[in-house]
N, C-alpha and C. Protein backbone atom coordinates (compact mmCIF):
# COMPACT_ATOMS: atom_id res chain seq x y z
N MET A 1 96.88 -104.72 -44.68
CA MET A 1 97.45 -103.55 -44.61
C MET A 1 96.70 -102.43 -44.26
N ASN A 2 97.22 -101.32 -43.73
CA ASN A 2 96.49 -100.26 -43.42
C ASN A 2 96.78 -99.14 -44.49
N PRO A 3 95.80 -98.36 -44.75
CA PRO A 3 96.06 -97.18 -45.68
C PRO A 3 97.02 -96.27 -45.09
N VAL A 4 98.00 -95.70 -46.01
CA VAL A 4 99.01 -94.71 -45.80
C VAL A 4 98.11 -93.55 -45.18
N LYS A 5 98.45 -92.92 -43.97
CA LYS A 5 98.05 -91.71 -43.53
C LYS A 5 99.31 -90.81 -42.76
N SER A 6 99.57 -89.96 -43.67
CA SER A 6 100.68 -89.20 -43.39
C SER A 6 100.09 -87.81 -42.59
N LYS A 7 101.08 -87.59 -41.49
CA LYS A 7 100.86 -86.33 -40.79
C LYS A 7 101.89 -85.21 -41.00
N ALA A 8 102.84 -85.59 -41.81
CA ALA A 8 103.80 -84.58 -42.25
C ALA A 8 103.24 -83.44 -43.37
N THR A 9 103.87 -82.44 -43.31
CA THR A 9 103.52 -81.30 -43.80
C THR A 9 104.22 -81.22 -45.15
N SER A 10 105.29 -81.93 -45.35
CA SER A 10 106.24 -81.83 -46.59
C SER A 10 105.29 -82.19 -47.85
N PRO A 11 105.35 -81.62 -49.08
CA PRO A 11 104.54 -82.30 -50.09
C PRO A 11 105.16 -83.52 -50.61
N GLN A 12 106.44 -83.99 -50.15
CA GLN A 12 107.07 -85.17 -50.61
C GLN A 12 106.75 -86.22 -49.45
N ALA A 13 106.07 -85.88 -48.53
CA ALA A 13 105.84 -86.97 -47.25
C ALA A 13 104.87 -88.02 -47.80
N PRO A 14 103.86 -87.62 -48.68
CA PRO A 14 103.06 -89.00 -48.93
C PRO A 14 103.94 -90.01 -49.73
N LEU A 15 104.71 -89.58 -50.64
CA LEU A 15 105.36 -90.26 -51.72
C LEU A 15 106.34 -91.10 -50.62
N GLU A 16 107.00 -90.51 -49.60
CA GLU A 16 107.98 -91.20 -48.87
C GLU A 16 107.13 -92.29 -47.99
N ASP A 17 105.89 -91.81 -47.70
CA ASP A 17 105.20 -93.09 -46.89
C ASP A 17 104.82 -94.28 -47.98
N VAL A 18 104.54 -93.90 -49.12
CA VAL A 18 104.29 -94.86 -50.18
C VAL A 18 105.73 -95.70 -50.41
N VAL A 19 106.62 -95.23 -50.37
CA VAL A 19 107.91 -96.04 -50.36
C VAL A 19 107.99 -96.87 -49.12
N GLU A 20 107.97 -96.23 -48.07
CA GLU A 20 108.05 -97.36 -46.76
C GLU A 20 107.08 -98.40 -46.67
N GLU A 21 105.84 -97.96 -47.07
CA GLU A 21 104.93 -98.93 -47.07
C GLU A 21 105.19 -99.93 -48.36
N ASN A 22 105.54 -99.57 -49.40
CA ASN A 22 106.09 -100.67 -50.46
C ASN A 22 107.27 -101.53 -49.62
N LYS A 23 107.90 -101.14 -49.06
CA LYS A 23 109.13 -101.81 -48.35
C LYS A 23 108.54 -102.89 -47.68
N GLU A 24 107.57 -102.58 -46.72
CA GLU A 24 106.83 -103.52 -45.80
C GLU A 24 106.09 -104.54 -46.90
N VAL A 25 105.41 -104.10 -47.63
CA VAL A 25 104.80 -105.21 -48.67
C VAL A 25 105.82 -106.09 -49.34
N VAL A 26 106.76 -105.68 -49.56
CA VAL A 26 107.94 -106.42 -50.24
C VAL A 26 108.29 -107.56 -49.09
N GLU A 27 108.53 -106.98 -47.82
CA GLU A 27 108.72 -108.12 -46.91
C GLU A 27 107.59 -109.14 -46.52
N GLU A 28 106.50 -108.52 -46.70
CA GLU A 28 105.50 -109.43 -46.32
C GLU A 28 105.31 -110.66 -47.55
N ILE A 29 105.43 -110.12 -48.70
CA ILE A 29 105.47 -111.04 -49.59
C ILE A 29 106.53 -111.95 -49.61
N ARG A 30 107.78 -111.55 -49.35
CA ARG A 30 108.94 -112.48 -49.12
C ARG A 30 108.59 -113.56 -48.09
N ASP A 31 108.14 -113.05 -46.88
CA ASP A 31 107.64 -113.90 -45.85
C ASP A 31 106.52 -115.10 -46.25
N ALA A 32 105.82 -114.62 -46.98
CA ALA A 32 104.51 -115.37 -47.36
C ALA A 32 105.25 -116.56 -48.47
N ALA A 33 106.18 -116.08 -49.37
CA ALA A 33 106.75 -117.00 -50.16
C ALA A 33 107.72 -118.18 -49.39
N GLN A 34 108.29 -117.59 -48.29
CA GLN A 34 109.12 -118.47 -47.39
C GLN A 34 108.26 -119.33 -46.75
N GLU A 35 107.21 -119.03 -46.27
CA GLU A 35 106.07 -120.12 -45.50
C GLU A 35 105.53 -120.96 -46.56
N LEU A 36 105.39 -120.58 -47.90
CA LEU A 36 104.76 -121.38 -48.83
C LEU A 36 105.79 -122.33 -49.38
N ALA A 37 107.21 -122.06 -49.17
CA ALA A 37 108.30 -122.96 -49.46
C ALA A 37 108.41 -124.22 -48.41
N VAL A 38 108.07 -123.73 -47.09
CA VAL A 38 107.95 -124.92 -46.10
C VAL A 38 106.82 -125.70 -46.33
N VAL A 39 105.60 -125.27 -46.54
CA VAL A 39 104.42 -126.02 -47.05
C VAL A 39 104.85 -126.86 -48.20
N HIS A 40 105.34 -126.37 -49.14
CA HIS A 40 105.63 -127.07 -50.18
C HIS A 40 106.62 -128.46 -49.80
N ALA A 41 107.65 -127.93 -48.96
CA ALA A 41 108.54 -128.93 -48.85
C ALA A 41 107.88 -130.18 -47.94
N VAL A 42 106.93 -129.76 -47.02
CA VAL A 42 106.26 -130.73 -46.30
C VAL A 42 105.41 -131.56 -47.12
N LEU A 43 104.53 -131.12 -48.16
CA LEU A 43 103.83 -131.74 -48.96
C LEU A 43 104.51 -132.67 -49.93
N ALA A 44 105.56 -132.10 -50.34
CA ALA A 44 106.48 -133.01 -51.17
C ALA A 44 107.07 -134.26 -50.60
N THR A 45 107.74 -133.94 -49.29
CA THR A 45 108.17 -135.04 -48.59
C THR A 45 106.94 -136.10 -48.34
N GLU A 46 105.89 -135.83 -47.87
CA GLU A 46 104.84 -136.53 -47.49
C GLU A 46 104.18 -137.33 -48.82
N THR A 47 104.20 -136.73 -49.82
CA THR A 47 103.70 -137.52 -51.09
C THR A 47 104.68 -138.55 -51.51
N VAL A 48 106.05 -138.38 -50.97
CA VAL A 48 106.86 -139.36 -51.36
C VAL A 48 106.41 -140.79 -50.34
N LYS A 49 106.08 -140.46 -49.43
CA LYS A 49 105.85 -141.69 -48.24
C LYS A 49 104.72 -142.54 -48.73
N ALA A 50 103.52 -141.72 -49.40
CA ALA A 50 102.41 -142.55 -49.66
C ALA A 50 102.22 -142.17 -50.99
N LYS A 51 101.13 -143.00 -51.42
CA LYS A 51 100.76 -143.08 -52.75
C LYS A 51 99.55 -141.81 -53.15
N PRO A 52 100.15 -140.71 -53.48
CA PRO A 52 99.49 -139.45 -53.55
C PRO A 52 98.52 -139.57 -54.51
N SER A 53 97.30 -138.67 -54.31
CA SER A 53 96.18 -138.72 -55.61
C SER A 53 96.68 -137.47 -56.55
N GLU A 54 96.09 -137.67 -57.58
CA GLU A 54 96.36 -136.74 -58.67
C GLU A 54 96.14 -135.33 -58.21
N ASP A 55 95.16 -135.10 -57.53
CA ASP A 55 94.80 -133.65 -56.68
C ASP A 55 96.08 -133.43 -55.85
N THR A 56 96.43 -134.30 -54.98
CA THR A 56 97.58 -133.62 -54.28
C THR A 56 98.97 -133.60 -54.93
N LYS A 57 99.25 -134.30 -56.17
CA LYS A 57 100.38 -134.16 -56.73
C LYS A 57 100.16 -132.62 -57.43
N GLU A 58 99.06 -132.38 -57.98
CA GLU A 58 98.89 -131.03 -58.51
C GLU A 58 98.78 -129.98 -57.36
N ALA A 59 98.57 -130.31 -56.31
CA ALA A 59 98.81 -129.28 -55.18
C ALA A 59 100.03 -129.00 -55.05
N VAL A 60 100.76 -129.89 -54.94
CA VAL A 60 102.31 -129.79 -54.54
C VAL A 60 102.73 -128.96 -55.73
N LYS A 61 102.59 -129.41 -56.91
CA LYS A 61 103.11 -128.44 -58.07
C LYS A 61 102.71 -127.05 -57.89
N ARG A 62 101.55 -126.83 -57.67
CA ARG A 62 101.04 -125.39 -57.58
C ARG A 62 101.59 -124.72 -56.46
N THR A 63 101.97 -125.17 -55.41
CA THR A 63 102.69 -124.52 -54.24
C THR A 63 103.93 -124.10 -54.70
N LYS A 64 104.71 -124.94 -55.45
CA LYS A 64 106.03 -124.60 -56.12
C LYS A 64 105.85 -123.35 -57.07
N GLU A 65 104.93 -123.54 -57.71
CA GLU A 65 104.72 -122.34 -58.83
C GLU A 65 104.20 -120.95 -58.25
N VAL A 66 103.32 -121.19 -57.14
CA VAL A 66 102.93 -120.05 -56.38
C VAL A 66 104.14 -119.15 -55.59
N LYS A 67 104.99 -120.25 -55.04
CA LYS A 67 106.07 -119.55 -54.41
C LYS A 67 107.02 -118.79 -55.21
N THR A 68 107.05 -119.45 -56.44
CA THR A 68 108.04 -118.76 -57.41
C THR A 68 107.33 -117.38 -57.84
N LYS A 69 106.04 -117.38 -58.18
CA LYS A 69 105.46 -116.10 -58.65
C LYS A 69 105.49 -115.23 -57.58
N LEU A 70 105.52 -115.59 -56.18
CA LEU A 70 105.43 -114.68 -55.19
C LEU A 70 106.83 -113.89 -55.01
N LYS A 71 107.92 -114.71 -55.15
CA LYS A 71 109.26 -114.18 -55.13
C LYS A 71 109.55 -113.27 -56.13
N ALA A 72 109.17 -113.68 -57.50
CA ALA A 72 109.17 -112.78 -58.62
C ALA A 72 108.42 -111.28 -58.31
N THR A 73 107.27 -111.45 -57.74
CA THR A 73 106.47 -110.15 -57.30
C THR A 73 107.13 -109.41 -56.59
N ALA A 74 107.78 -110.02 -55.48
CA ALA A 74 108.36 -109.23 -54.67
C ALA A 74 109.64 -108.64 -55.11
N SER A 75 110.41 -109.37 -56.07
CA SER A 75 111.45 -108.72 -56.53
C SER A 75 111.02 -107.34 -57.53
N LYS A 76 110.02 -107.69 -58.28
CA LYS A 76 109.53 -106.59 -59.15
C LYS A 76 108.99 -105.21 -58.15
N LEU A 77 108.31 -105.68 -57.32
CA LEU A 77 108.08 -104.54 -56.47
C LEU A 77 109.01 -103.81 -55.78
N ALA A 78 110.02 -104.45 -55.26
CA ALA A 78 111.30 -103.91 -54.81
C ALA A 78 112.04 -103.08 -55.60
N GLU A 79 111.96 -103.41 -56.95
CA GLU A 79 112.73 -102.78 -57.87
C GLU A 79 111.91 -101.61 -58.26
N ALA A 80 110.64 -101.54 -58.36
CA ALA A 80 109.82 -100.28 -58.51
C ALA A 80 109.75 -99.42 -57.28
N THR A 81 110.13 -100.03 -55.97
CA THR A 81 110.22 -99.10 -54.92
C THR A 81 111.42 -98.46 -54.83
N GLU A 82 112.42 -99.13 -55.47
CA GLU A 82 113.82 -98.58 -55.40
C GLU A 82 113.82 -97.36 -56.55
N VAL A 83 113.25 -97.45 -57.51
CA VAL A 83 113.10 -96.49 -58.34
C VAL A 83 112.18 -95.25 -57.92
N LEU A 84 111.02 -95.61 -57.21
CA LEU A 84 110.31 -94.37 -56.57
C LEU A 84 111.18 -93.68 -55.40
N GLU A 85 111.91 -94.55 -54.80
CA GLU A 85 112.78 -93.80 -53.44
C GLU A 85 113.73 -92.94 -54.16
N LYS A 86 114.42 -93.40 -55.31
CA LYS A 86 115.37 -92.59 -55.91
C LYS A 86 114.65 -91.10 -56.42
N HIS A 87 113.42 -91.30 -57.07
CA HIS A 87 112.67 -90.03 -57.67
C HIS A 87 112.41 -89.11 -56.25
N VAL A 88 111.91 -89.72 -55.29
CA VAL A 88 111.57 -88.89 -54.20
C VAL A 88 112.88 -88.22 -53.45
N SER A 89 113.99 -89.01 -53.61
CA SER A 89 115.12 -88.31 -52.84
C SER A 89 115.76 -87.17 -54.10
N LYS A 90 115.53 -87.38 -55.05
CA LYS A 90 115.81 -86.15 -56.22
C LYS A 90 114.98 -85.03 -55.99
N SER A 91 113.60 -85.42 -55.86
CA SER A 91 112.61 -84.36 -55.70
C SER A 91 112.88 -83.37 -54.46
N VAL A 92 113.32 -84.19 -53.40
CA VAL A 92 113.52 -83.55 -52.21
C VAL A 92 114.79 -82.56 -52.32
N GLN A 93 115.69 -83.09 -53.05
CA GLN A 93 117.16 -82.41 -53.30
C GLN A 93 116.93 -80.98 -54.17
N LYS A 94 115.90 -81.00 -54.87
CA LYS A 94 115.43 -79.78 -55.62
C LYS A 94 115.19 -78.62 -54.65
N PRO A 95 115.83 -77.38 -55.02
CA PRO A 95 115.30 -76.22 -54.14
C PRO A 95 114.04 -75.72 -54.44
């Protein structure tokens, strides 16, 4: 991720940039969770075919836990971004 660099002159511009950056981060987290879900599905399928080691079983379990954590984190960030976006909108509307 690149740091936010605003060229706008509005005092709200930096906050608006943060909101947009947060939205991008939410999507990146959701994409990572989706990719991890695919990895989990492959690992889970492969472990059914063969006798997996305890380490493999633990890895499969952890992928599911991490996927869940990523999705929860994305949701929390999306909610925080929404609140920030509302705050920025209200601040811009004030004379």
